[in-house]
């Protein structure tokens, strides 16, 4: 029974590390919203689940990076959807 407790704690620590890793990767992945959105959401979920572990600081940094990446992904997807809907050929045409 004690092994299950240690295994659970180890899983929480691993989720904190994965949250940080996905947050860092997500800062590049936001350029492709179809890739960035799932990466950010999974990283955010892992960070939230592991915030109370011994690596809570790593989880908090992972959550912050995932939120930044998620906002960038949503902005990028919104600009892309707007450009597709208005048949704009480049972003520079939007600001002219």
Protein backbone atom coordinates (compact mmCIF):
# COMPACT_ATOMS: atom_id res chain seq x y z
CA UNK A 1 0.00 0.00 0.00
CA UNK A 2 2.90 2.34 0.72
CA UNK A 3 4.20 1.77 -2.81
CA UNK A 4 0.99 3.23 -4.26
CA UNK A 5 1.48 6.44 -2.29
CA UNK A 6 5.05 6.83 -3.56
CA UNK A 7 3.99 6.03 -7.11
CA UNK A 8 1.25 8.67 -6.92
CA UNK A 9 3.72 11.29 -5.66
CA UNK A 10 6.17 10.39 -8.41
CA UNK A 11 3.41 10.74 -11.03
CA UNK A 12 2.58 14.20 -9.70
CA UNK A 13 6.25 15.23 -9.93
CA UNK A 14 6.43 13.91 -13.47
CA UNK A 15 3.31 15.86 -14.41
CA UNK A 16 4.93 19.05 -13.10
CA UNK A 17 7.99 18.45 -15.25
CA UNK A 18 5.82 17.63 -18.27
CA UNK A 19 3.82 20.80 -17.70
CA UNK A 20 7.02 22.85 -17.81
CA UNK A 21 8.30 21.00 -20.87
CA UNK A 22 5.00 21.40 -22.74
CA UNK A 23 4.88 25.07 -21.75
CA UNK A 24 8.33 25.65 -23.24
CA UNK A 25 7.50 23.65 -26.36
CA UNK A 26 4.19 25.47 -26.63
CA UNK A 27 5.96 28.82 -26.95
CA UNK A 28 7.07 27.60 -30.37
CA UNK A 29 4.00 25.47 -31.16
CA UNK A 30 1.62 28.46 -31.05
CA UNK A 31 2.77 29.34 -34.55
CA UNK A 32 0.64 26.43 -35.79
CA UNK A 33 -2.64 26.71 -33.85
CA UNK A 34 -3.66 23.15 -34.69
CA UNK A 35 -0.54 21.94 -32.88
CA UNK A 36 -0.33 24.65 -30.23
CA UNK A 37 -3.83 24.32 -28.82
CA UNK A 38 -3.63 20.67 -27.71
CA UNK A 39 -0.07 21.10 -26.42
CA UNK A 40 -1.08 24.08 -24.28
CA UNK A 41 -4.22 22.42 -22.94
CA UNK A 42 -2.41 19.20 -21.96
CA UNK A 43 0.38 21.19 -20.32
CA UNK A 44 -2.15 23.29 -18.44
CA UNK A 45 -4.01 20.20 -17.18
CA UNK A 46 -0.76 18.54 -16.04
CA UNK A 47 0.29 21.73 -14.27
CA UNK A 48 -3.02 22.11 -12.46
CA UNK A 49 -3.02 18.47 -11.35
CA UNK A 50 0.52 18.71 -9.98
CA UNK A 51 0.41 22.16 -8.36
CA UNK A 52 0.23 20.60 -4.85
CA UNK A 53 3.19 18.26 -5.36
CA UNK A 54 6.71 18.85 -4.10
CA UNK A 55 7.54 20.38 -7.49
CA UNK A 56 4.73 22.90 -7.27
CA UNK A 57 6.99 25.75 -8.41
CA UNK A 58 7.79 23.93 -11.64
CA UNK A 59 4.09 23.31 -12.12
CA UNK A 60 3.34 27.01 -11.54
CA UNK A 61 5.92 28.05 -14.14
CA UNK A 62 4.49 25.46 -16.53
CA UNK A 63 0.99 26.82 -15.98
CA UNK A 64 2.18 30.38 -16.64
CA UNK A 65 3.96 29.37 -19.85
CA UNK A 66 0.95 27.38 -21.02
CA UNK A 67 -1.37 30.33 -20.41
CA UNK A 68 0.93 32.65 -22.37
CA UNK A 69 1.14 30.11 -25.19
CA UNK A 70 -2.62 29.57 -25.13
CA UNK A 71 -3.28 33.29 -25.47
CA UNK A 72 -0.80 33.51 -28.37
CA UNK A 73 -2.40 30.46 -30.02
CA UNK A 74 -5.88 31.96 -29.77
CA UNK A 75 -4.67 35.29 -31.18
CA UNK A 76 -2.89 33.52 -34.04
CA UNK A 77 -5.95 31.38 -34.82
CA UNK A 78 -8.21 34.45 -34.71
CA UNK A 79 -6.01 36.38 -37.12
CA UNK A 80 -5.90 33.36 -39.42
CA UNK A 81 -9.66 32.94 -39.31
CA UNK A 82 -10.17 36.63 -40.03
CA UNK A 83 -7.75 36.54 -42.94
CA UNK A 84 -9.46 33.44 -44.32
CA UNK A 85 -12.93 34.94 -43.98
CA UNK A 86 -12.02 38.22 -45.65
CA UNK A 87 -9.76 36.68 -48.31
CA UNK A 88 -6.88 38.85 -47.17
CA UNK A 89 -3.65 37.75 -48.79
CA UNK A 90 -1.31 39.04 -46.09
CA UNK A 91 -1.36 40.51 -42.63
CA UNK A 92 -0.04 43.81 -43.97
CA UNK A 93 -3.28 44.28 -45.95
CA UNK A 94 -5.23 44.22 -42.70
CA UNK A 95 -3.40 47.25 -41.34
CA UNK A 96 -3.47 49.35 -44.51
